Amino acid sequence: MSTPRLYIPNPLAIGDTFTLPSSQTHHLLHVLRVKPGTSLIFFNGDGCEYEAEFKIFQKQEATVTLLKSRESKTVESRLSIHLGQAMSASDRMDFSVQKAVELGVSTITPIRSSFCQVKLPKERQEKKIAHWQAIAIHAAEQCGRVRVPSIHPPHSFMEWVALPHKGEKLIAHHKGTYPLPKPQHTPESCVIVIGPEGGFSEFEIALSKTNGFQVISLGPRILRTETATVVSLTLLQTLWGDIQ
């Protein structure tokens, strides 16, 4: 079994000893069957990994002591990708968030577009964002990343495309006729927006063009929204990022 990796959103320093949250303790003891003395890896988003020793404090409590740290730069993409993901049914949205993290995105913003079938009331937004952020954390732990992408609050399509985004700006559309652009210089950042099952309206496409977005095609077939997310991010990382 590979060394378990856990995210801790706190400052970490060599020599620190702390008690793990109950959820992480339960996962280690009852899911992974980790034994006392086992080595663990922790990260908190500062770009380093921290090796620690796992110890049982009480029956359902555990502590860890941080033994050493190392910088880990190879798993974070040189391309900063901001994904605008049209909201879809919960399992599809969860899948899109998980795979986007595995494919190296930096930021994810859920998008409300014209043909979105998912309506998220404001009173449910905080809970849903926390749910997606937890998925992002687990995906980062699993795939070896040292930074967890941020999940922004939902935006309307009109709000999001009008923001002052940096780098290349792309919108994937099943009626698009152009492949991914090949600029003279490899960009350091880009944004891409993926639509819902029903795609984007003509108004949204026109609005995106007005705000400097390039309409791109992901091939001759109509893709499900979660498939389009995986395909587009794979292409971006292959063209400008760290997939070779």
C-alpha atoms as a PDB file:
ATOM      1  CA  MET A   1       0.000   0.000   0.000  1.00  0.00           C
ATOM      2  CA  SER A   2       1.266   3.460  -0.856  1.00  0.00           C
ATOM      3  CA  THR A   3       1.869   5.922   1.969  1.00  0.00           C
ATOM      4  CA  PRO A   4      -1.442   7.557   2.961  1.00  0.00           C
ATOM      5  CA  ARG A   5      -1.592  11.293   2.232  1.00  0.00           C
ATOM      6  CA  LEU A   6      -3.742  13.678   4.263  1.00  0.00           C
ATOM      7  CA  TYR A   7      -4.579  17.348   3.906  1.00  0.00           C
ATOM      8  CA  ILE A   8      -4.415  19.576   6.987  1.00  0.00           C
ATOM      9  CA  PRO A   9      -5.437  23.246   6.506  1.00  0.00           C
ATOM     10  CA  ASN A  10      -3.068  24.460   9.237  1.00  0.00           C
ATOM     11  CA  PRO A  11       0.551  25.648   9.464  1.00  0.00           C
ATOM     12  CA  LEU A  12       2.906  22.669   9.732  1.00  0.00           C
ATOM     13  CA  ALA A  13       6.447  22.542  11.155  1.00  0.00           C
ATOM     14  CA  ILE A  14       8.979  19.816  11.823  1.00  0.00           C
ATOM     15  CA  GLY A  15       8.649  18.462  15.356  1.00  0.00           C
ATOM     16  CA  ASP A  16       4.960  19.343  15.690  1.00  0.00           C
ATOM     17  CA  THR A  17       2.743  16.756  17.371  1.00  0.00           C
ATOM     18  CA  PHE A  18      -1.019  17.069  17.044  1.00  0.00           C
ATOM     19  CA  THR A  19      -4.215  15.067  17.364  1.00  0.00           C
ATOM     20  CA  LEU A  20      -5.922  14.144  14.127  1.00  0.00           C
ATOM     21  CA  PRO A  21      -9.547  15.072  13.461  1.00  0.00           C
ATOM     22  CA  SER A  22     -11.930  12.216  14.235  1.00  0.00           C
ATOM     23  CA  SER A  23     -12.883  11.767  10.577  1.00  0.00           C
ATOM     24  CA  GLN A  24      -9.259  11.245   9.527  1.00  0.00           C
ATOM     25  CA  THR A  25      -8.584   8.958  12.491  1.00  0.00           C
ATOM     26  CA  HIS A  26     -11.593   6.806  11.604  1.00  0.00           C
ATOM     27  CA  HIS A  27     -10.503   6.607   7.949  1.00  0.00           C
ATOM     28  CA  LEU A  28      -6.966   5.600   8.873  1.00  0.00           C
ATOM     29  CA  LEU A  29      -7.952   3.043  11.499  1.00  0.00           C
ATOM     30  CA  HIS A  30     -11.050   1.453   9.983  1.00  0.00           C
ATOM     31  CA  VAL A  31     -10.700   1.958   6.224  1.00  0.00           C
ATOM     32  CA  LEU A  32      -6.956   1.873   5.585  1.00  0.00           C
ATOM     33  CA  ARG A  33      -6.203  -0.288   8.657  1.00  0.00           C
ATOM     34  CA  VAL A  34      -3.141   1.800   9.502  1.00  0.00           C
ATOM     35  CA  LYS A  35      -1.054   0.514  12.417  1.00  0.00           C
ATOM     36  CA  PRO A  36       0.873   2.535  15.039  1.00  0.00           C
ATOM     37  CA  GLY A  37       4.295   3.538  13.771  1.00  0.00           C
ATOM     38  CA  THR A  38       3.148   3.766  10.158  1.00  0.00           C
ATOM     39  CA  SER A  39       4.507   6.683   8.121  1.00  0.00           C
ATOM     40  CA  LEU A  40       2.001   9.217   6.790  1.00  0.00           C
ATOM     41  CA  ILE A  41       2.348  12.204   4.479  1.00  0.00           C
ATOM     42  CA  PHE A  42       0.668  15.521   5.266  1.00  0.00           C
ATOM     43  CA  PHE A  43       0.329  18.654   3.146  1.00  0.00           C
ATOM     44  CA  ASN A  44      -1.326  22.006   3.730  1.00  0.00           C
ATOM     45  CA  GLY A  45      -0.980  23.827   0.407  1.00  0.00           C
ATOM     46  CA  ASP A  46       2.394  25.468   1.069  1.00  0.00           C
ATOM     47  CA  GLY A  47       4.071  23.387  -1.639  1.00  0.00           C
ATOM     48  CA  CYS A  48       5.701  20.893   0.738  1.00  0.00           C
ATOM     49  CA  GLU A  49       4.980  17.406   1.967  1.00  0.00           C
ATOM     50  CA  TYR A  50       5.553  16.478   5.605  1.00  0.00           C
ATOM     51  CA  GLU A  51       6.428  12.950   6.673  1.00  0.00           C
ATOM     52  CA  ALA A  52       4.911  11.947   9.994  1.00  0.00           C
ATOM     53  CA  GLU A  53       4.658   8.982  12.346  1.00  0.00           C
ATOM     54  CA  PHE A  54       1.208   7.701  13.272  1.00  0.00           C
ATOM     55  CA  LYS A  55       0.534   6.922  16.935  1.00  0.00           C
ATOM     56  CA  ILE A  56      -2.522   5.722  18.845  1.00  0.00           C
ATOM     57  CA  PHE A  57      -3.354   8.056  21.720  1.00  0.00           C
ATOM     58  CA  GLN A  58      -6.566   6.463  22.892  1.00  0.00           C
ATOM     59  CA  LYS A  59      -8.925   3.891  21.381  1.00  0.00           C
ATOM     60  CA  GLN A  60     -10.454   6.304  18.864  1.00  0.00           C
ATOM     61  CA  GLU A  61      -7.847   9.061  18.958  1.00  0.00           C
ATOM     62  CA  ALA A  62      -4.531   9.301  17.189  1.00  0.00           C
ATOM     63  CA  THR A  63      -1.614  11.692  17.109  1.00  0.00           C
ATOM     64  CA  VAL A  64       1.094  12.297  14.561  1.00  0.00           C
ATOM     65  CA  THR A  65       4.546  13.792  14.881  1.00  0.00           C
ATOM     66  CA  LEU A  66       6.038  15.579  11.880  1.00  0.00           C
ATOM     67  CA  LEU A  67       9.519  14.219  11.227  1.00  0.00           C
ATOM     68  CA  LYS A  68      10.751  15.917   8.046  1.00  0.00           C
ATOM     69  CA  SER A  69       9.576  17.918   5.037  1.00  0.00           C
ATOM     70  CA  ARG A  70      10.358  18.066   1.357  1.00  0.00           C
ATOM     71  CA  GLU A  71       9.351  20.360  -1.456  1.00  0.00           C
ATOM     72  CA  SER A  72       7.247  18.741  -4.150  1.00  0.00           C
ATOM     73  CA  LYS A  73       6.985  20.729  -7.365  1.00  0.00           C
ATOM     74  CA  THR A  74       6.624  18.068 -10.026  1.00  0.00           C
ATOM     75  CA  VAL A  75       2.925  17.257  -9.465  1.00  0.00           C
ATOM     76  CA  GLU A  76       1.612  20.818  -9.840  1.00  0.00           C
ATOM     77  CA  SER A  77       1.041  21.885 -13.415  1.00  0.00           C
ATOM     78  CA  ARG A  78       2.913  24.874 -14.829  1.00  0.00           C
ATOM     79  CA  LEU A  79      -0.398  25.838 -16.459  1.00  0.00           C
ATOM     80  CA  SER A  80      -2.849  27.555 -14.114  1.00  0.00           C
ATOM     81  CA  ILE A  81      -6.350  26.512 -15.203  1.00  0.00           C
ATOM     82  CA  HIS A  82      -9.547  28.136 -13.961  1.00  0.00           C
ATOM     83  CA  LEU A  83     -12.492  25.878 -14.797  1.00  0.00           C
ATOM     84  CA  GLY A  84     -15.978  27.292 -15.102  1.00  0.00           C
ATOM     85  CA  GLN A  85     -18.182  24.206 -14.759  1.00  0.00           C
ATOM     86  CA  ALA A  86     -21.890  24.471 -15.487  1.00  0.00           C
ATOM     87  CA  MET A  87     -23.733  22.816 -12.623  1.00  0.00           C
ATOM     88  CA  SER A  88     -25.153  19.377 -13.346  1.00  0.00           C
ATOM     89  CA  ALA A  89     -26.819  16.574 -11.404  1.00  0.00           C
ATOM     90  CA  SER A  90     -24.946  15.844  -8.182  1.00  0.00           C
ATOM     91  CA  ASP A  91     -23.114  12.690  -9.263  1.00  0.00           C
ATOM     92  CA  ARG A  92     -21.985  14.257 -12.548  1.00  0.00           C
ATOM     93  CA  MET A  93     -20.857  17.461 -10.842  1.00  0.00           C
ATOM     94  CA  ASP A  94     -18.984  15.452  -8.210  1.00  0.00           C
ATOM     95  CA  PHE A  95     -17.266  13.484 -10.989  1.00  0.00           C
ATOM     96  CA  SER A  96     -16.311  16.689 -12.836  1.00  0.00           C
ATOM     97  CA  VAL A  97     -14.790  18.232  -9.701  1.00  0.00           C
ATOM     98  CA  GLN A  98     -12.864  15.080  -8.853  1.00  0.00           C
ATOM     99  CA  LYS A  99     -11.415  14.591 -12.328  1.00  0.00           C
ATOM    100  CA  ALA A 100     -10.633  18.287 -12.736  1.00  0.00           C
ATOM    101  CA  VAL A 101      -8.496  18.150  -9.598  1.00  0.00           C
ATOM    102  CA  GLU A 102      -6.737  15.013 -10.840  1.00  0.00           C
ATOM    103  CA  LEU A 103      -6.033  16.814 -14.125  1.00  0.00           C
ATOM    104  CA  GLY A 104      -4.390  19.753 -12.370  1.00  0.00           C
ATOM    105  CA  VAL A 105      -6.858  22.638 -12.304  1.00  0.00           C
ATOM    106  CA  SER A 106      -6.128  25.536  -9.974  1.00  0.00           C
ATOM    107  CA  THR A 107      -9.642  26.906  -9.451  1.00  0.00           C
ATOM    108  CA  ILE A 108     -13.202  25.731 -10.076  1.00  0.00           C
ATOM    109  CA  THR A 109     -16.266  27.966 -10.310  1.00  0.00           C
ATOM    110  CA  PRO A 110     -19.727  26.378 -10.565  1.00  0.00           C
ATOM    111  CA  ILE A 111     -21.699  28.168 -13.290  1.00  0.00           C
ATOM    112  CA  ARG A 112     -25.426  28.852 -13.630  1.00  0.00           C
ATOM    113  CA  SER A 113     -26.208  28.945 -17.351  1.00  0.00           C
ATOM    114  CA  SER A 114     -29.429  29.162 -19.355  1.00  0.00           C
ATOM    115  CA  PHE A 115     -29.881  25.420 -19.869  1.00  0.00           C
ATOM    116  CA  CYS A 116     -28.756  24.293 -16.406  1.00  0.00           C
ATOM    117  CA  GLN A 117     -31.286  21.897 -14.968  1.00  0.00           C
ATOM    118  CA  VAL A 118     -29.795  22.226 -11.487  1.00  0.00           C
ATOM    119  CA  LYS A 119     -31.057  25.164  -9.463  1.00  0.00           C
ATOM    120  CA  LEU A 120     -29.122  25.754  -6.259  1.00  0.00           C
ATOM    121  CA  PRO A 121     -30.960  27.954  -3.742  1.00  0.00           C
ATOM    122  CA  LYS A 122     -28.773  30.381  -1.830  1.00  0.00           C
ATOM    123  CA  GLU A 123     -29.563  28.668   1.462  1.00  0.00           C
ATOM    124  CA  ARG A 124     -27.960  25.454   0.112  1.00  0.00           C
ATOM    125  CA  GLN A 125     -24.910  27.030  -1.496  1.00  0.00           C
ATOM    126  CA  GLU A 126     -22.604  26.986   1.527  1.00  0.00           C
ATOM    127  CA  LYS A 127     -23.276  23.297   2.201  1.00  0.00           C
ATOM    128  CA  LYS A 128     -22.815  22.390  -1.471  1.00  0.00           C
ATOM    129  CA  ILE A 129     -19.561  24.337  -1.805  1.00  0.00           C
ATOM    130  CA  ALA A 130     -18.237  22.534   1.299  1.00  0.00           C
ATOM    131  CA  HIS A 131     -19.228  19.214  -0.295  1.00  0.00           C
ATOM    132  CA  TRP A 132     -17.377  20.005  -3.541  1.00  0.00           C
ATOM    133  CA  GLN A 133     -14.367  21.293  -1.595  1.00  0.00           C
ATOM    134  CA  ALA A 134     -14.225  18.004   0.330  1.00  0.00           C
ATOM    135  CA  ILE A 135     -14.207  16.126  -2.981  1.00  0.00           C
ATOM    136  CA  ALA A 136     -11.356  18.357  -4.166  1.00  0.00           C
ATOM    137  CA  ILE A 137      -9.390  17.628  -0.974  1.00  0.00           C
ATOM    138  CA  HIS A 138      -9.819  13.855  -1.298  1.00  0.00           C
ATOM    139  CA  ALA A 139      -8.834  13.982  -4.977  1.00  0.00           C
ATOM    140  CA  ALA A 140      -5.707  15.995  -4.162  1.00  0.00           C
ATOM    141  CA  GLU A 141      -4.774  13.510  -1.422  1.00  0.00           C
ATOM    142  CA  GLN A 142      -5.211  10.579  -3.797  1.00  0.00           C
ATOM    143  CA  CYS A 143      -3.398  11.951  -6.839  1.00  0.00           C
ATOM    144  CA  GLY A 144      -0.332  13.323  -5.047  1.00  0.00           C
ATOM    145  CA  ARG A 145      -0.986  17.045  -5.352  1.00  0.00           C
ATOM    146  CA  VAL A 146       0.352  19.444  -2.733  1.00  0.00           C
ATOM    147  CA  ARG A 147      -2.171  22.205  -3.389  1.00  0.00           C
ATOM    148  CA  VAL A 148      -5.944  21.894  -3.179  1.00  0.00           C
ATOM    149  CA  PRO A 149      -7.895  23.825  -5.835  1.00  0.00           C
ATOM    150  CA  SER A 150     -10.336  26.400  -4.517  1.00  0.00           C
ATOM    151  CA  ILE A 151     -14.063  25.971  -5.160  1.00  0.00           C
ATOM    152  CA  HIS A 152     -15.580  29.408  -5.680  1.00  0.00           C
ATOM    153  CA  PRO A 153     -19.201  30.296  -4.956  1.00  0.00           C
ATOM    154  CA  PRO A 154     -21.540  29.744  -7.940  1.00  0.00           C
ATOM    155  CA  HIS A 155     -21.685  32.532 -10.534  1.00  0.00           C
ATOM    156  CA  SER A 156     -24.120  33.228 -13.315  1.00  0.00           C
ATOM    157  CA  PHE A 157     -22.668  32.765 -16.777  1.00  0.00           C
ATOM    158  CA  MET A 158     -23.029  36.505 -17.447  1.00  0.00           C
ATOM    159  CA  GLU A 159     -21.117  37.386 -14.279  1.00  0.00           C
ATOM    160  CA  TRP A 160     -18.336  34.893 -14.840  1.00  0.00           C
ATOM    161  CA  VAL A 161     -17.448  35.633 -18.470  1.00  0.00           C
ATOM    162  CA  ALA A 162     -17.286  39.358 -17.660  1.00  0.00           C
ATOM    163  CA  LEU A 163     -14.637  38.884 -14.944  1.00  0.00           C
ATOM    164  CA  PRO A 164     -11.069  40.068 -15.723  1.00  0.00           C
ATOM    165  CA  HIS A 165      -9.653  36.597 -16.355  1.00  0.00           C
ATOM    166  CA  LYS A 166      -5.958  36.209 -17.161  1.00  0.00           C
ATOM    167  CA  GLY A 167      -4.474  34.202 -20.010  1.00  0.00           C
ATOM    168  CA  GLU A 168      -6.302  32.335 -22.756  1.00  0.00           C
ATOM    169  CA  LYS A 169     -10.109  32.382 -22.500  1.00  0.00           C
ATOM    170  CA  LEU A 170     -11.966  29.426 -23.998  1.00  0.00           C
ATOM    171  CA  ILE A 171     -15.519  28.149 -24.204  1.00  0.00           C
ATOM    172  CA  ALA A 172     -16.227  24.592 -25.345  1.00  0.00           C
ATOM    173  CA  HIS A 173     -19.284  24.289 -27.572  1.00  0.00           C
ATOM    174  CA  HIS A 174     -20.595  21.351 -29.578  1.00  0.00           C
ATOM    175  CA  LYS A 175     -21.198  23.681 -32.523  1.00  0.00           C
ATOM    176  CA  GLY A 176     -17.687  25.091 -32.355  1.00  0.00           C
ATOM    177  CA  THR A 177     -15.570  24.724 -35.469  1.00  0.00           C
ATOM    178  CA  TYR A 178     -12.101  25.604 -34.181  1.00  0.00           C
ATOM    179  CA  PRO A 179      -9.687  23.330 -32.303  1.00  0.00           C
ATOM    180  CA  LEU A 180      -7.657  24.585 -29.365  1.00  0.00           C
ATOM    181  CA  PRO A 181      -5.590  27.624 -30.420  1.00  0.00           C
ATOM    182  CA  LYS A 182      -1.816  27.368 -30.682  1.00  0.00           C
ATOM    183  CA  PRO A 183      -0.400  30.742 -29.607  1.00  0.00           C
ATOM    184  CA  GLN A 184       3.220  31.628 -30.362  1.00  0.00           C
ATOM    185  CA  HIS A 185       4.073  31.583 -26.663  1.00  0.00           C
ATOM    186  CA  THR A 186       2.836  28.922 -24.237  1.00  0.00           C
ATOM    187  CA  PRO A 187       0.423  30.646 -21.824  1.00  0.00           C
ATOM    188  CA  GLU A 188       0.933  30.405 -18.086  1.00  0.00           C
ATOM    189  CA  SER A 189      -2.793  30.518 -17.382  1.00  0.00           C
ATOM    190  CA  CYS A 190      -6.130  29.944 -19.041  1.00  0.00           C
ATOM    191  CA  VAL A 191      -9.813  29.761 -18.263  1.00  0.00           C
ATOM    192  CA  ILE A 192     -12.283  27.387 -19.864  1.00  0.00           C
ATOM    193  CA  VAL A 193     -16.017  27.081 -19.381  1.00  0.00           C
ATOM    194  CA  ILE A 194     -17.917  23.832 -19.898  1.00  0.00           C
ATOM    195  CA  GLY A 195     -21.663  23.865 -20.458  1.00  0.00           C
ATOM    196  CA  PRO A 196     -24.510  21.717 -19.109  1.00  0.00           C
ATOM    197  CA  GLU A 197     -26.154  18.798 -20.892  1.00  0.00           C
ATOM    198  CA  GLY A 198     -28.146  21.190 -23.070  1.00  0.00           C
ATOM    199  CA  GLY A 199     -25.103  23.213 -24.078  1.00  0.00           C
ATOM    200  CA  PHE A 200     -24.960  27.005 -24.260  1.00  0.00           C
ATOM    201  CA  SER A 201     -27.557  29.337 -25.714  1.00  0.00           C
ATOM    202  CA  GLU A 202     -26.754  31.465 -28.747  1.00  0.00           C
ATOM    203  CA  PHE A 203     -26.877  34.507 -26.487  1.00  0.00           C
ATOM    204  CA  GLU A 204     -24.282  32.984 -24.140  1.00  0.00           C
ATOM    205  CA  ILE A 205     -21.977  32.151 -27.024  1.00  0.00           C
ATOM    206  CA  ALA A 206     -22.283  35.691 -28.362  1.00  0.00           C
ATOM    207  CA  LEU A 207     -21.692  37.132 -24.879  1.00  0.00           C
ATOM    208  CA  SER A 208     -18.585  35.016 -24.387  1.00  0.00           C
ATOM    209  CA  LYS A 209     -17.165  36.240 -27.712  1.00  0.00           C
ATOM    210  CA  THR A 210     -17.852  39.842 -26.698  1.00  0.00           C
ATOM    211  CA  ASN A 211     -15.788  39.213 -23.543  1.00  0.00           C
ATOM    212  CA  GLY A 212     -12.836  37.794 -25.469  1.00  0.00           C
ATOM    213  CA  PHE A 213     -13.541  34.053 -25.276  1.00  0.00           C
ATOM    214  CA  GLN A 214     -12.643  31.754 -28.152  1.00  0.00           C
ATOM    215  CA  VAL A 215     -15.239  29.131 -29.058  1.00  0.00           C
ATOM    216  CA  ILE A 216     -13.520  25.762 -29.425  1.00  0.00           C
ATOM    217  CA  SER A 217     -14.583  22.311 -30.567  1.00  0.00           C
ATOM    218  CA  LEU A 218     -13.865  19.083 -28.691  1.00  0.00           C
ATOM    219  CA  GLY A 219     -14.485  16.942 -31.756  1.00  0.00           C
ATOM    220  CA  PRO A 220     -17.350  15.899 -34.016  1.00  0.00           C
ATOM    221  CA  ARG A 221     -19.388  14.100 -31.326  1.00  0.00           C
ATOM    222  CA  ILE A 222     -21.626  15.626 -28.667  1.00  0.00           C
ATOM    223  CA  LEU A 223     -20.113  14.870 -25.258  1.00  0.00           C
ATOM    224  CA  ARG A 224     -21.737  14.640 -21.856  1.00  0.00           C
ATOM    225  CA  THR A 225     -20.792  17.566 -19.657  1.00  0.00           C
ATOM    226  CA  GLU A 226     -18.535  15.464 -17.395  1.00  0.00           C
ATOM    227  CA  THR A 227     -16.854  13.910 -20.440  1.00  0.00           C
ATOM    228  CA  ALA A 228     -16.272  17.357 -21.945  1.00  0.00           C
ATOM    229  CA  THR A 229     -14.541  18.419 -18.725  1.00  0.00           C
ATOM    230  CA  VAL A 230     -12.101  15.506 -18.815  1.00  0.00           C
ATOM    231  CA  VAL A 231     -11.423  15.859 -22.555  1.00  0.00           C
ATOM    232  CA  SER A 232     -10.888  19.628 -22.504  1.00  0.00           C
ATOM    233  CA  LEU A 233      -8.549  19.561 -19.497  1.00  0.00           C
ATOM    234  CA  THR A 234      -6.562  16.685 -20.964  1.00  0.00           C
ATOM    235  CA  LEU A 235      -6.131  18.612 -24.206  1.00  0.00           C
ATOM    236  CA  LEU A 236      -5.077  21.776 -22.361  1.00  0.00           C
ATOM    237  CA  GLN A 237      -2.513  19.915 -20.274  1.00  0.00           C
ATOM    238  CA  THR A 238      -1.203  18.128 -23.363  1.00  0.00           C
ATOM    239  CA  LEU A 239      -0.905  21.323 -25.385  1.00  0.00           C
ATOM    240  CA  TRP A 240       0.322  23.761 -22.719  1.00  0.00           C
ATOM    241  CA  GLY A 241       0.715  21.888 -19.442  1.00  0.00           C
ATOM    242  CA  ASP A 242       2.423  18.797 -18.079  1.00  0.00           C
ATOM    243  CA  ILE A 243       0.914  15.825 -19.916  1.00  0.00           C
ATOM    244  CA  GLN A 244       3.337  14.555 -22.528  1.00  0.00           C
END
